[in-house]
Amino acid sequence: QGSNFQSANLHAANLTGANLVNAILTGSDLSGANLTGSVGGVFFDVATLAGATCPNGIVHGNTGADC
């Protein structure tokens, strides 16, 4: 909880079910990452989310979906 992953390279990371409560992912590369079922008030400001699977299971960018 409250982890700081600011500007981290998490490209294609498997974060399925991760506890991301108050995690800071500002500026991180989450492209292609799997966030399915992760929980928390995540700060995605200016994070790269292209092709990432959002916590709700929808792929970011498909039909305008946003995490």
Protein backbone atom coordinates (compact mmCIF):
# COMPACT_ATOMS: atom_id res chain seq x y z
CA GLN A 1 0.00 0.00 0.00
CA GLY A 2 1.24 3.42 -0.92
CA SER A 3 4.13 2.11 -3.04
CA ASN A 4 5.94 4.57 -5.27
CA PHE A 5 6.48 3.24 -8.80
CA GLN A 6 6.88 6.69 -10.32
CA SER A 7 8.49 6.45 -13.79
CA ALA A 8 8.89 2.66 -13.42
CA ASN A 9 9.17 0.34 -16.42
CA LEU A 10 6.31 -2.10 -15.83
CA HIS A 11 5.81 -2.94 -19.52
CA ALA A 12 3.91 -6.24 -19.82
CA ALA A 13 4.04 -6.77 -16.03
CA ASN A 14 1.55 -9.19 -14.50
CA LEU A 15 -0.12 -7.19 -11.70
CA THR A 16 -3.22 -9.40 -11.55
CA GLY A 17 -4.93 -8.96 -8.18
CA ALA A 18 -2.25 -6.58 -6.90
CA ASN A 19 -3.00 -4.37 -3.92
CA LEU A 20 -2.28 -0.95 -5.41
CA VAL A 21 -4.03 1.11 -2.73
CA ASN A 22 -2.56 4.62 -2.99
CA ALA A 23 0.18 3.42 -5.34
CA ILE A 24 1.88 6.16 -7.34
CA LEU A 25 2.40 5.13 -10.97
CA THR A 26 2.87 8.64 -12.37
CA GLY A 27 4.88 8.52 -15.59
CA SER A 28 5.25 4.73 -15.51
CA ASP A 29 5.18 2.50 -18.58
CA LEU A 30 2.31 0.06 -18.04
CA SER A 31 1.84 -0.71 -21.73
CA GLY A 32 0.69 -4.29 -22.15
CA ALA A 33 0.52 -4.83 -18.38
CA ASN A 34 -2.23 -6.93 -16.82
CA LEU A 35 -3.98 -5.09 -13.96
CA THR A 36 -7.04 -7.40 -13.88
CA GLY A 37 -8.58 -7.45 -10.41
CA SER A 38 -6.06 -5.06 -8.90
CA VAL A 39 -7.50 -2.75 -6.28
CA GLY A 40 -6.82 0.72 -5.03
CA GLY A 41 -6.89 4.41 -5.65
CA VAL A 42 -4.05 4.35 -8.16
CA PHE A 43 -2.50 7.55 -9.49
CA PHE A 44 -2.01 6.87 -13.24
CA ASP A 45 -1.18 10.49 -14.16
CA VAL A 46 0.72 10.54 -17.47
CA ALA A 47 1.29 6.77 -17.28
CA THR A 48 1.55 4.88 -20.56
CA LEU A 49 -1.36 2.43 -20.60
CA ALA A 50 -1.55 1.41 -24.29
CA GLY A 51 -2.77 -2.16 -24.48
CA ALA A 52 -2.86 -2.59 -20.70
CA THR A 53 -5.67 -4.69 -19.26
CA CYS A 54 -7.46 -2.47 -16.74
CA PRO A 55 -8.61 -3.69 -13.31
CA ASN A 56 -12.11 -4.25 -14.74
CA GLY A 57 -10.71 -6.54 -17.48
CA ILE A 58 -11.17 -4.10 -20.38
CA VAL A 59 -8.11 -3.44 -22.55
CA HIS A 60 -7.08 0.22 -22.45
CA GLY A 61 -7.66 1.94 -25.77
CA ASN A 62 -10.20 -0.56 -27.11
CA THR A 63 -13.29 1.40 -28.12
CA GLY A 64 -12.01 4.36 -26.09
CA ALA A 65 -11.69 2.41 -22.81
CA ASP A 66 -9.72 4.09 -20.06
CA CYS A 67 -8.45 2.68 -16.75
